[in-house]
């Protein structure tokens, strides 16, 4: 359906009740991003045992995003902390297994035990975080070296974790705990130094702390590489990120796999001329036997922000896959089908239920789908769809594409069907009706016209599974496609279970071109007929 490689979320602000003063500064919004490559012209560049799987640069935007110094993966999102005493939640968007965007940022201030903001850098310099099996978060700070516990990141601290006190005793203010990672029964903590005479890491378990020295690997040791973050598997195997900086060459980074017995193996060293920055955060994502590492850089609040200048930095978010867990090179990335839930089967919600509409039933091989066409809110697009219905141009067409987004809740994505540019079926393209004009939105169950550019839509359409509001018009966008967005013209009011079942049908990994490869149904599902249906009576006054 959609030519764009990113899926955006709606620009919203979270208004919270006055009864919850601790959360009053929490915000949600659509971040400004642009895609980046590790190496130009090599989309799947392999470096050591890591395979690049996409990346974006995140602009500071209205909230001054920056200073990100720790990262963790939890329930489909990336959690982070920053040098100015804030927590962040980033929602990554993946298409065909590649990181292509960040569709939502939620952030707020870290608080002390009395629910107060931490203030300046002296108290608020958060450098790393990890989530315990109990659901608690641990956040490590430098300047005032400490590890604090948080039942929830948007709430007050509940105490401290003191097991690493010996490790950071006497540490310099700006060289404290940069690495914090939990695993079953234990915690890995590392300081920001490498000195063979002084342990820089410790494992904390129920039996106490066991310090050890983690050397920087060849390729970064000579540049002064130090640990900056880590993430661990349940068995205590940890992936540690090290970084370095030299004025004459810039940044380097290395990822080391540390076994439960603390033996280390270098997975990769990233060095110029690769696209790099001051990487300080690492998160591990495990899924269906595959292992992915996300890296994020700290711009030190000196972001280039479209104005390259000496000393400026960027907030880069990159995704890598660990070799050996990846499919063969060149193989299509097929996202596994997720079973429909009761939530998936819920009908779409019309934002203007009092507006005039016309019902249409799509009778498919797998069941009926009933649509409410928004003839009042989107008259041009709805009338076009009705013409295809009345002239029986949809009869015998198929649902042929299932875009499956790699995020929660699952299933997630869209189902596409229609005329597939069959010259015997298609009608002339129609005038575009952006959501900024109609007031409609790409929420769960919405129908939206497929198009290459505004004003080119004809007889292909998609049905949203879960909210895909990033496809709405964005008047602030510079690209005309995204300034206009896609045209919503109706909502599924019955039969979302049928939509989900079709969406879960077998994929043919060899079918399709470009970004659609790995999304085409092996056996397209036929639309037997499309007919008008009686509209329900208006609600009682």
Protein backbone atom coordinates (compact mmCIF):
# COMPACT_ATOMS: atom_id res chain seq x y z
CA UNK A 1 0.00 0.00 0.00
CA UNK A 2 2.28 2.66 1.24
CA UNK A 3 5.44 3.83 -0.49
CA UNK A 4 6.94 5.30 2.65
CA UNK A 5 9.28 3.12 4.66
CA UNK A 6 8.20 4.45 8.03
CA UNK A 7 5.06 4.13 10.09
CA UNK A 8 4.41 7.27 12.14
CA UNK A 9 2.36 7.72 15.23
CA UNK A 10 0.02 10.61 15.92
CA UNK A 11 1.33 13.80 17.46
CA UNK A 12 -0.28 13.95 20.88
CA UNK A 13 0.33 15.44 24.30
CA UNK A 14 -0.51 13.44 27.38
CA UNK A 15 -2.80 15.49 29.63
CA UNK A 16 -2.78 13.99 33.09
CA UNK A 17 -5.09 14.52 36.03
CA UNK A 18 -4.15 17.07 38.62
CA UNK A 19 -4.50 14.25 41.12
CA UNK A 20 -1.25 12.79 39.77
CA UNK A 21 1.31 15.59 40.21
CA UNK A 22 4.29 13.27 39.89
CA UNK A 23 3.43 12.64 36.24
CA UNK A 24 2.64 16.20 35.31
CA UNK A 25 5.70 16.57 33.10
CA UNK A 26 5.22 13.39 31.07
CA UNK A 27 4.89 13.96 27.33
CA UNK A 28 4.16 11.89 24.25
CA UNK A 29 4.92 13.10 20.75
CA UNK A 30 6.04 12.18 17.26
CA UNK A 31 9.82 12.60 16.98
CA UNK A 32 11.57 13.95 13.91
CA UNK A 33 13.85 11.29 12.43
CA UNK A 34 15.83 10.48 9.32
CA UNK A 35 17.22 7.16 8.18
CA UNK A 36 20.94 6.43 8.43
CA UNK A 37 23.16 3.67 7.11
CA UNK A 38 26.14 2.11 8.78
CA UNK A 39 27.94 2.06 5.43
CA UNK A 40 26.60 3.76 2.33
CA UNK A 41 25.21 1.37 -0.27
CA UNK A 42 25.50 -1.66 2.04
CA UNK A 43 22.11 -2.03 3.73
CA UNK A 44 23.05 -5.34 5.39
CA UNK A 45 26.66 -4.53 6.19
CA UNK A 46 28.32 -7.25 8.25
CA UNK A 47 30.97 -6.20 10.74
CA UNK A 48 32.47 -9.01 12.77
CA UNK A 49 29.52 -11.07 13.97
CA UNK A 50 26.99 -8.26 13.66
CA UNK A 51 24.66 -7.59 10.72
CA UNK A 52 23.28 -4.07 10.34
CA UNK A 53 19.47 -4.01 10.36
CA UNK A 54 18.68 -0.33 9.92
CA UNK A 55 19.06 2.92 11.82
CA UNK A 56 17.69 6.42 12.34
CA UNK A 57 18.94 9.76 13.61
CA UNK A 58 16.58 11.35 16.14
CA UNK A 59 16.36 15.16 16.21
CA UNK A 60 16.24 17.01 19.55
CA UNK A 61 12.75 18.23 18.62
CA UNK A 62 10.57 20.28 20.95
CA UNK A 63 11.50 18.28 24.06
CA UNK A 64 15.24 18.62 23.59
CA UNK A 65 15.85 14.88 23.17
CA UNK A 66 19.51 14.13 23.83
CA UNK A 67 22.06 12.93 26.32
CA UNK A 68 20.78 9.34 26.09
CA UNK A 69 23.15 7.16 28.09
CA UNK A 70 21.42 3.84 28.74
CA UNK A 71 19.03 1.53 26.93
CA UNK A 72 16.84 -1.50 27.69
CA UNK A 73 14.25 -3.51 25.73
CA UNK A 74 10.90 -4.22 27.36
CA UNK A 75 7.52 -5.21 25.89
CA UNK A 76 8.13 -3.94 22.38
CA UNK A 77 9.77 -0.63 23.30
CA UNK A 78 13.18 0.80 24.13
CA UNK A 79 13.53 2.37 27.57
CA UNK A 80 16.30 4.88 28.19
CA UNK A 81 17.67 7.47 30.61
CA UNK A 82 19.51 10.69 29.89
CA UNK A 83 22.22 12.90 31.37
CA UNK A 84 19.68 15.56 32.36
CA UNK A 85 17.69 13.31 34.67
CA UNK A 86 14.91 12.05 32.40
CA UNK A 87 13.51 8.68 31.38
CA UNK A 88 12.38 7.99 27.81
CA UNK A 89 10.39 5.30 26.04
CA UNK A 90 11.02 4.97 22.30
CA UNK A 91 8.67 2.98 20.06
CA UNK A 92 10.75 1.56 17.19
CA UNK A 93 9.14 0.75 13.85
CA UNK A 94 10.42 -2.22 11.89
CA UNK A 95 9.51 -3.11 8.32
CA UNK A 96 10.73 -6.44 6.98
CA UNK A 97 12.94 -6.80 10.04
CA UNK A 98 14.67 -3.44 9.57
CA UNK A 99 14.54 -0.46 11.92
CA UNK A 100 13.06 2.34 9.83
CA UNK A 101 11.66 4.84 12.31
CA UNK A 102 10.79 5.78 15.86
CA UNK A 103 7.07 6.46 15.85
CA UNK A 104 6.60 7.70 19.39
CA UNK A 105 8.63 9.16 22.22
CA UNK A 106 7.31 9.30 25.76
CA UNK A 107 9.43 11.00 28.38
CA UNK A 108 9.40 12.53 31.82
CA UNK A 109 11.61 13.47 34.76
CA UNK A 110 13.27 10.99 37.07
CA UNK A 111 12.25 11.68 40.67
CA UNK A 112 13.84 11.27 44.07
CA UNK A 113 12.32 9.37 46.98
CA UNK A 114 10.07 12.34 47.81
CA UNK A 115 8.74 12.64 44.26
CA UNK A 116 10.83 15.70 43.39
CA UNK A 117 12.75 16.29 40.16
CA UNK A 118 16.45 15.68 40.46
CA UNK A 119 17.49 19.11 39.28
CA UNK A 120 20.87 19.72 37.64
CA UNK A 121 23.54 17.40 36.32
CA UNK A 122 25.07 16.87 39.76
CA UNK A 123 22.06 14.81 40.92
CA UNK A 124 20.40 13.96 37.62
CA UNK A 125 23.24 12.51 35.52
CA UNK A 126 21.58 9.14 34.77
CA UNK A 127 23.88 6.80 32.86
CA UNK A 128 22.26 3.36 32.72
CA UNK A 129 19.15 1.38 33.57
CA UNK A 130 17.91 -2.19 33.73
CA UNK A 131 14.68 -3.95 34.64
CA UNK A 132 14.59 -6.65 37.29
CA UNK A 133 12.43 -9.77 37.17
CA UNK A 134 10.34 -8.20 39.94
CA UNK A 135 9.34 -5.39 37.55
CA UNK A 136 11.46 -2.83 39.39
CA UNK A 137 13.88 -0.63 37.48
CA UNK A 138 17.42 0.17 38.57
CA UNK A 139 18.94 3.45 37.43
CA UNK A 140 22.63 4.28 37.87
CA UNK A 141 23.86 7.86 38.25
CA UNK A 142 27.32 9.40 38.17
CA UNK A 143 28.59 12.66 39.66
CA UNK A 144 26.78 11.59 42.82
CA UNK A 145 27.52 7.90 42.32
CA UNK A 146 24.59 5.65 43.23
CA UNK A 147 22.05 3.11 41.96
CA UNK A 148 18.39 3.85 42.74
CA UNK A 149 15.37 1.59 42.60
CA UNK A 150 12.16 2.61 40.83
CA UNK A 151 8.91 0.60 41.02
CA UNK A 152 7.97 2.63 37.90
CA UNK A 153 10.14 5.06 35.99
CA UNK A 154 7.47 7.75 36.16
CA UNK A 155 7.25 7.51 39.95
CA UNK A 156 9.37 8.20 42.98
CA UNK A 157 12.50 6.25 43.86
CA UNK A 158 11.95 3.57 46.48
CA UNK A 159 15.50 3.09 47.72
CA UNK A 160 18.97 2.14 46.60
CA UNK A 161 20.99 -0.86 45.41
CA UNK A 162 24.30 -0.83 47.29
CA UNK A 163 25.98 -3.99 46.01
CA UNK A 164 28.35 -2.04 43.75
CA UNK A 165 29.51 0.41 46.42
CA UNK A 166 33.00 -1.08 46.55
CA UNK A 167 33.37 -0.90 42.77
CA UNK A 168 32.79 2.85 42.58
CA UNK A 169 34.53 3.83 45.80
CA UNK A 170 36.89 6.67 44.94
CA UNK A 171 35.71 6.92 41.32
CA UNK A 172 36.05 10.26 39.55
CA UNK A 173 32.85 12.27 39.26
CA UNK A 174 32.50 11.71 35.51
CA UNK A 175 33.66 8.08 35.52
CA UNK A 176 31.05 6.16 37.45
CA UNK A 177 28.66 3.31 36.69
CA UNK A 178 27.92 3.33 32.96
CA UNK A 179 26.92 -0.32 32.66
CA UNK A 180 24.00 -1.96 34.42
CA UNK A 181 22.32 -5.18 33.28
CA UNK A 182 20.16 -7.70 35.13
CA UNK A 183 19.80 -11.45 34.50
CA UNK A 184 18.19 -14.32 36.38
CA UNK A 185 19.61 -14.17 39.88
CA UNK A 186 22.23 -11.55 39.19
CA UNK A 187 23.32 -8.10 38.10
CA UNK A 188 26.29 -7.00 35.99
CA UNK A 189 27.74 -3.59 36.88
CA UNK A 190 30.72 -1.91 35.16
CA UNK A 191 32.46 1.41 35.69
CA UNK A 192 33.76 3.73 33.00
CA UNK A 193 37.43 2.84 33.16
CA UNK A 194 39.85 0.17 31.99
CA UNK A 195 42.79 -0.45 34.32
CA UNK A 196 44.18 -3.95 34.73
CA UNK A 197 45.16 -3.11 38.30
CA UNK A 198 41.63 -2.11 39.22
CA UNK A 199 38.52 -4.22 38.48
CA UNK A 200 36.02 -2.32 36.33
CA UNK A 201 33.11 -4.79 36.58
CA UNK A 202 31.35 -6.84 39.20
CA UNK A 203 28.62 -9.44 39.27
CA UNK A 204 26.18 -9.07 42.15
CA UNK A 205 24.23 -12.13 43.29
CA UNK A 206 22.61 -13.32 46.49
CA UNK A 207 26.02 -14.43 47.72
CA UNK A 208 27.59 -10.98 47.28
CA UNK A 209 29.69 -9.08 44.75
CA UNK A 210 32.36 -10.75 42.59
CA UNK A 211 34.59 -8.12 40.93
CA UNK A 212 36.54 -8.79 37.74
CA UNK A 213 38.44 -6.91 35.03
CA UNK A 214 36.98 -6.61 31.52
CA UNK A 215 39.72 -5.45 29.12
CA UNK A 216 38.94 -3.43 26.02
CA UNK A 217 39.38 -5.58 22.90
CA UNK A 218 41.95 -5.00 20.20
CA UNK A 219 40.76 -2.32 17.84
CA UNK A 220 39.42 -0.07 20.58
CA UNK A 221 41.87 -0.62 23.43
CA UNK A 222 44.48 1.59 21.77
CA UNK A 223 41.85 4.35 21.48
CA UNK A 224 40.99 4.21 25.18
CA UNK A 225 37.82 2.09 25.03
CA UNK A 226 35.73 1.83 28.21
CA UNK A 227 32.46 0.02 29.07
CA UNK A 228 29.35 2.15 28.58
CA UNK A 229 26.37 -0.24 28.72
CA UNK A 230 25.33 -3.89 28.64
CA UNK A 231 22.37 -6.23 28.29
CA UNK A 232 22.20 -9.81 29.53
CA UNK A 233 20.44 -13.02 28.61
CA UNK A 234 18.67 -14.95 31.34
CA UNK A 235 21.62 -17.35 31.73
CA UNK A 236 24.05 -14.55 32.62
CA UNK A 237 25.64 -14.20 29.18
CA UNK A 238 26.02 -10.46 28.69
CA UNK A 239 26.73 -8.21 25.73
CA UNK A 240 28.87 -5.26 26.76
CA UNK A 241 29.24 -2.06 24.74
CA UNK A 242 32.55 -0.18 24.88
CA UNK A 243 33.24 3.17 23.29
CA UNK A 244 36.18 5.49 22.70
CA UNK A 245 36.85 8.95 21.33
CA UNK A 246 39.95 10.57 19.86
CA UNK A 247 39.91 14.06 18.33
CA UNK A 248 41.88 12.90 15.31
CA UNK A 249 39.41 10.16 14.31
CA UNK A 250 36.20 10.51 16.30
CA UNK A 251 34.37 7.59 17.86
CA UNK A 252 34.82 3.84 17.91
CA UNK A 253 32.61 1.20 19.50
CA UNK A 254 32.95 -2.48 20.32
CA UNK A 255 30.53 -5.17 21.44
CA UNK A 256 31.91 -7.97 23.60
CA UNK A 257 30.06 -11.13 24.63
CA UNK A 258 30.86 -11.97 28.24
CA UNK A 259 29.99 -15.52 29.31
CA UNK A 260 28.63 -16.34 32.75
CA UNK A 261 32.21 -17.26 33.83
CA UNK A 262 33.39 -13.81 32.58
CA UNK A 263 35.35 -15.08 29.59
CA UNK A 264 35.02 -12.52 26.82
CA UNK A 265 34.66 -12.78 23.05
CA UNK A 266 34.67 -9.78 20.72
CA UNK A 267 31.65 -9.72 18.41
CA UNK A 268 32.52 -6.57 16.50
CA UNK A 269 34.58 -3.40 16.51
CA UNK A 270 32.97 -0.43 14.77
CA UNK A 271 35.42 2.20 13.56
CA UNK A 272 35.58 4.99 10.96
CA UNK A 273 34.67 5.32 8.14
CA UNK A 274 31.50 3.57 9.37
CA UNK A 275 28.70 5.89 10.50
CA UNK A 276 29.28 6.24 14.23
CA UNK A 277 28.77 8.55 17.15
CA UNK A 278 29.13 8.48 20.91
CA UNK A 279 27.38 5.14 21.53
CA UNK A 280 26.46 4.80 25.22
CA UNK A 281 23.37 2.57 25.26
CA UNK A 282 22.82 -1.07 24.32
CA UNK A 283 19.66 -3.19 24.49
CA UNK A 284 19.10 -6.87 23.70
CA UNK A 285 15.99 -8.17 22.01
CA UNK A 286 15.43 -11.91 21.72
CA UNK A 287 12.70 -13.20 19.44
CA UNK A 288 11.99 -16.56 17.78
CA UNK A 289 15.56 -17.75 18.28
CA UNK A 290 17.08 -14.57 16.87
CA UNK A 291 19.08 -11.98 18.81
CA UNK A 292 19.12 -8.27 18.06
CA UNK A 293 21.18 -5.50 19.62
CA UNK A 294 20.10 -1.85 19.58
CA UNK A 295 22.73 0.86 20.06
CA UNK A 296 21.99 4.49 20.89
CA UNK A 297 24.39 7.42 21.03
CA UNK A 298 24.68 10.32 23.48
CA UNK A 299 24.84 13.66 21.67
CA UNK A 300 25.90 15.46 24.87
CA UNK A 301 23.23 18.04 23.97
CA UNK A 302 25.38 19.28 21.09
CA UNK A 303 23.19 17.90 18.33
CA UNK A 304 24.03 18.83 14.74
CA UNK A 305 20.27 19.09 14.07
CA UNK A 306 20.70 19.68 10.35
CA UNK A 307 23.64 22.06 10.82
CA UNK A 308 26.89 20.13 10.59
CA UNK A 309 29.62 21.94 12.50
CA UNK A 310 32.80 21.04 14.39
CA UNK A 311 32.08 19.23 17.62
CA UNK A 312 28.41 18.57 16.94
CA UNK A 313 26.98 15.10 17.56
CA UNK A 314 23.82 13.12 16.79
CA UNK A 315 21.42 10.81 18.56
CA UNK A 316 21.75 7.66 16.46
CA UNK A 317 19.66 4.54 17.06
CA UNK A 318 20.92 1.47 15.21
CA UNK A 319 19.78 -2.13 15.10
CA UNK A 320 22.07 -5.12 14.58
CA UNK A 321 21.46 -8.85 14.40
CA UNK A 322 23.94 -11.31 15.83
CA UNK A 323 25.16 -13.62 13.07
CA UNK A 324 24.25 -17.24 13.50
CA UNK A 325 20.74 -16.33 14.61
CA UNK A 326 19.91 -14.63 11.30
CA UNK A 327 18.35 -16.17 8.16
CA UNK A 328 20.64 -16.71 5.14
CA UNK A 329 21.83 -13.52 3.37
CA UNK A 330 19.26 -12.25 0.88
CA UNK A 331 16.42 -14.28 2.35
CA UNK A 332 13.17 -12.32 2.69
CA UNK A 333 12.34 -11.23 6.21
CA UNK A 334 8.91 -12.69 6.95
CA UNK A 335 7.33 -11.60 10.22
CA UNK A 336 5.59 -14.57 11.79
CA UNK A 337 1.82 -14.43 11.95
CA UNK A 338 0.36 -13.74 15.37
CA UNK A 339 -2.95 -15.30 16.40
CA UNK A 340 -5.91 -12.98 16.61
CA UNK A 341 -7.11 -12.04 20.06
CA UNK A 342 -10.45 -10.80 21.36
CA UNK A 343 -9.00 -7.32 21.15
CA UNK A 344 -8.08 -7.80 17.48
CA UNK A 345 -11.66 -8.82 16.68
CA UNK A 346 -13.10 -5.58 18.06
CA UNK A 347 -14.74 -3.39 15.40
CA UNK A 348 -13.32 -0.10 14.28
CA UNK A 349 -14.57 3.02 16.03
CA UNK A 350 -16.09 5.76 13.89
CA UNK A 351 -14.87 9.10 15.25
CA UNK A 352 -18.10 10.80 14.08
CA UNK A 353 -20.82 8.19 14.60
CA UNK A 354 -23.56 10.75 13.92
CA UNK A 355 -22.20 11.50 10.43
CA UNK A 356 -23.94 9.98 7.40
CA UNK A 357 -22.53 6.65 6.23
CA UNK A 358 -23.30 3.77 3.88
CA UNK A 359 -22.79 0.11 4.76
CA UNK A 360 -21.06 -2.30 2.40
CA UNK A 361 -20.45 -6.04 2.92
CA UNK A 362 -17.35 -7.67 1.42
CA UNK A 363 -18.15 -11.37 1.17
CA UNK A 364 -14.81 -13.22 1.09
CA UNK A 365 -13.75 -16.85 0.98
CA UNK A 366 -13.03 -16.62 4.71
CA UNK A 367 -16.12 -14.73 5.83
CA UNK A 368 -17.94 -11.41 5.64
CA UNK A 369 -16.50 -7.96 6.43
CA UNK A 370 -18.98 -5.12 6.95
CA UNK A 371 -17.79 -1.56 6.36
CA UNK A 372 -19.29 1.81 7.22
CA UNK A 373 -18.26 4.18 4.42
CA UNK A 374 -17.88 7.78 5.61
CA UNK A 375 -19.95 9.39 2.86
CA UNK A 376 -20.28 12.66 4.78
CA UNK A 377 -16.75 13.04 6.14
CA UNK A 378 -14.90 11.70 3.05
CA UNK A 379 -17.42 12.14 0.22
CA UNK A 380 -15.03 11.85 -2.74
CA UNK A 381 -13.21 8.72 -1.53
CA UNK A 382 -16.35 7.00 -0.24
CA UNK A 383 -18.18 7.71 -3.50
CA UNK A 384 -15.27 6.24 -5.46
CA UNK A 385 -15.40 3.03 -3.38
CA UNK A 386 -19.19 2.84 -3.85
CA UNK A 387 -18.80 3.14 -7.59
CA UNK A 388 -16.48 0.11 -7.57
CA UNK A 389 -19.09 -1.70 -5.46
CA UNK A 390 -22.10 -0.72 -7.61
CA UNK A 391 -20.32 -1.60 -10.84
CA UNK A 392 -19.17 -4.92 -9.31
CA UNK A 393 -15.54 -4.08 -10.00
CA UNK A 394 -14.46 -5.64 -6.68
CA UNK A 395 -16.18 -8.97 -7.40
CA UNK A 396 -13.46 -11.57 -7.93
CA UNK A 397 -10.62 -9.37 -6.70
CA UNK A 398 -8.46 -10.49 -3.79
CA UNK A 399 -6.77 -9.57 -0.56
CA UNK A 400 -3.15 -10.14 -1.51
CA UNK A 401 -0.83 -8.41 0.97
CA UNK A 402 -0.37 -8.69 4.75
CA UNK A 403 2.03 -6.14 6.20
CA UNK A 404 2.94 -7.48 9.63
CA UNK A 405 4.54 -4.94 11.90
CA UNK A 406 7.06 -6.22 14.39
CA UNK A 407 5.56 -4.58 17.47
CA UNK A 408 3.00 -4.93 20.22
CA UNK A 409 0.09 -5.45 20.38
CA UNK A 410 0.08 -8.36 17.96
CA UNK A 411 -1.15 -8.95 15.34
CA UNK A 412 -0.30 -5.51 14.01
CA UNK A 413 -0.11 -3.97 10.56
CA UNK A 414 -2.49 -3.82 7.64
CA UNK A 415 -4.26 -5.99 5.07
CA UNK A 416 -4.32 -4.83 1.46
CA UNK A 417 -6.68 -5.80 -1.35
CA UNK A 418 -8.44 -4.53 -4.45
CA UNK A 419 -8.02 -4.28 -8.19
CA UNK A 420 -4.20 -4.44 -8.38
CA UNK A 421 -4.21 -2.00 -11.30
CA UNK A 422 -6.18 -4.38 -13.51
CA UNK A 423 -6.93 -2.15 -16.54
CA UNK A 424 -10.35 -3.79 -16.95
CA UNK A 425 -11.34 -2.83 -13.41
CA UNK A 426 -9.71 0.42 -12.40
CA UNK A 427 -11.37 3.80 -12.70
CA UNK A 428 -9.58 7.15 -13.07
CA UNK A 429 -7.68 8.28 -9.95
CA UNK A 430 -9.48 10.55 -7.51
CA UNK A 431 -8.80 13.79 -5.69
CA UNK A 432 -7.05 13.20 -2.39
CA UNK A 433 -8.95 13.81 0.86
CA UNK A 434 -6.37 14.12 3.67
CA UNK A 435 -7.24 13.20 7.23
CA UNK A 436 -6.46 16.79 8.22
CA UNK A 437 -9.54 17.75 6.18
CA UNK A 438 -11.87 14.84 6.98
CA UNK A 439 -11.02 14.48 10.66
CA UNK A 440 -10.79 10.69 10.22
CA UNK A 441 -7.82 8.67 11.40
CA UNK A 442 -5.90 5.46 10.70
CA UNK A 443 -7.10 3.73 13.83
CA UNK A 444 -7.89 0.03 14.26
CA UNK A 445 -10.36 -1.10 11.58
CA UNK A 446 -9.95 1.97 9.35
CA UNK A 447 -10.01 1.61 5.56
CA UNK A 448 -7.47 3.70 3.66
CA UNK A 449 -6.75 4.18 -0.02
CA UNK A 450 -3.50 2.84 -1.46
CA UNK A 451 -1.59 5.31 -3.60
CA UNK A 452 1.84 6.24 -4.87
CA UNK A 453 1.33 9.97 -4.37
CA UNK A 454 -1.61 12.24 -3.50
CA UNK A 455 -4.24 12.11 -6.22
CA UNK A 456 -3.23 8.71 -7.64
CA UNK A 457 -5.57 6.40 -5.67
CA UNK A 458 -8.01 4.21 -7.61
CA UNK A 459 -9.15 0.69 -6.65
CA UNK A 460 -6.76 -0.66 -4.00
CA UNK A 461 -7.29 -0.20 -0.29
CA UNK A 462 -6.00 -1.37 3.08
CA UNK A 463 -7.55 -2.21 6.45
CA UNK A 464 -5.67 -1.23 9.61
CA UNK A 465 -5.00 -3.82 12.31
CA UNK A 466 -4.33 -1.76 15.45
CA UNK A 467 -3.66 1.96 15.18
CA UNK A 468 -1.42 3.12 12.33
CA UNK A 469 -1.99 6.83 12.88
CA UNK A 470 1.43 7.70 11.48
CA UNK A 471 -0.26 7.40 8.07
CA UNK A 472 -2.42 10.43 8.85
CA UNK A 473 -1.67 13.76 7.19
CA UNK A 474 1.17 15.70 8.82
CA UNK A 475 0.81 19.35 7.76
CA UNK A 476 4.29 20.12 9.13
CA UNK A 477 6.03 17.55 6.89
CA UNK A 478 8.19 18.75 4.00
CA UNK A 479 7.56 15.66 1.86
CA UNK A 480 4.23 16.18 0.03
CA UNK A 481 3.27 12.51 0.49
CA UNK A 482 3.50 12.79 4.27
CA UNK A 483 2.13 16.28 4.38
CA UNK A 484 -1.03 14.84 2.79
CA UNK A 485 -0.89 11.37 4.34
CA UNK A 486 -3.31 8.66 3.20
CA UNK A 487 -7.08 8.95 2.85
CA UNK A 488 -9.27 7.19 5.40
CA UNK A 489 -12.81 6.67 4.09
CA UNK A 490 -14.46 4.03 6.29
CA UNK A 491 -14.28 1.62 9.20
CA UNK A 492 -14.90 -2.10 9.63
CA UNK A 493 -17.92 -2.39 11.91
CA UNK A 494 -18.20 -6.20 11.75
CA UNK A 495 -15.74 -8.88 10.70
CA UNK A 496 -12.38 -7.77 12.08
CA UNK A 497 -11.89 -11.41 13.07
CA UNK A 498 -12.09 -12.24 9.36
CA UNK A 499 -9.59 -9.47 8.56
CA UNK A 500 -7.20 -10.88 11.18
CA UNK A 501 -7.59 -14.42 9.85
CA UNK A 502 -6.75 -13.33 6.31
CA UNK A 503 -3.82 -11.30 7.66
CA UNK A 504 -2.48 -14.47 9.33
CA UNK A 505 -2.58 -16.50 6.09
CA UNK A 506 0.61 -18.05 4.78
CA UNK A 507 3.15 -15.69 3.20
CA UNK A 508 5.15 -16.57 0.08
CA UNK A 509 8.64 -15.19 0.86
CA UNK A 510 9.58 -15.11 -2.82
CA UNK A 511 6.64 -12.98 -3.98
CA UNK A 512 6.61 -9.20 -4.16
CA UNK A 513 9.16 -6.53 -4.94
CA UNK A 514 11.16 -4.19 -2.73
CA UNK A 515 9.57 -3.54 0.65
CA UNK A 516 6.60 -5.72 -0.26
CA UNK A 517 8.73 -8.82 -0.58
CA UNK A 518 7.87 -11.15 2.25
CA UNK A 519 4.41 -9.60 2.66
CA UNK A 520 2.48 -11.19 -0.21
CA UNK A 521 -0.02 -13.95 0.55
CA UNK A 522 0.88 -17.35 -0.89
CA UNK A 523 -2.82 -17.88 -1.71
CA UNK A 524 -4.64 -14.55 -2.05
CA UNK A 525 -8.11 -14.58 -0.50
CA UNK A 526 -10.88 -13.89 -3.00
CA UNK A 527 -13.51 -11.20 -2.52
CA UNK A 528 -16.55 -13.04 -3.84
CA UNK A 529 -18.75 -9.96 -3.91
CA UNK A 530 -19.05 -6.42 -2.58
CA UNK A 531 -22.60 -5.13 -2.05
CA UNK A 532 -24.41 -2.33 -0.32
CA UNK A 533 -26.15 -3.37 2.90
CA UNK A 534 -28.96 -1.81 4.92
CA UNK A 535 -27.72 0.83 7.31
CA UNK A 536 -28.68 0.46 10.98
CA UNK A 537 -31.36 2.78 12.32
CA UNK A 538 -30.10 6.02 13.89
CA UNK A 539 -29.58 5.91 17.67
CA UNK A 540 -32.56 6.86 19.77
CA UNK A 541 -32.54 10.46 20.97
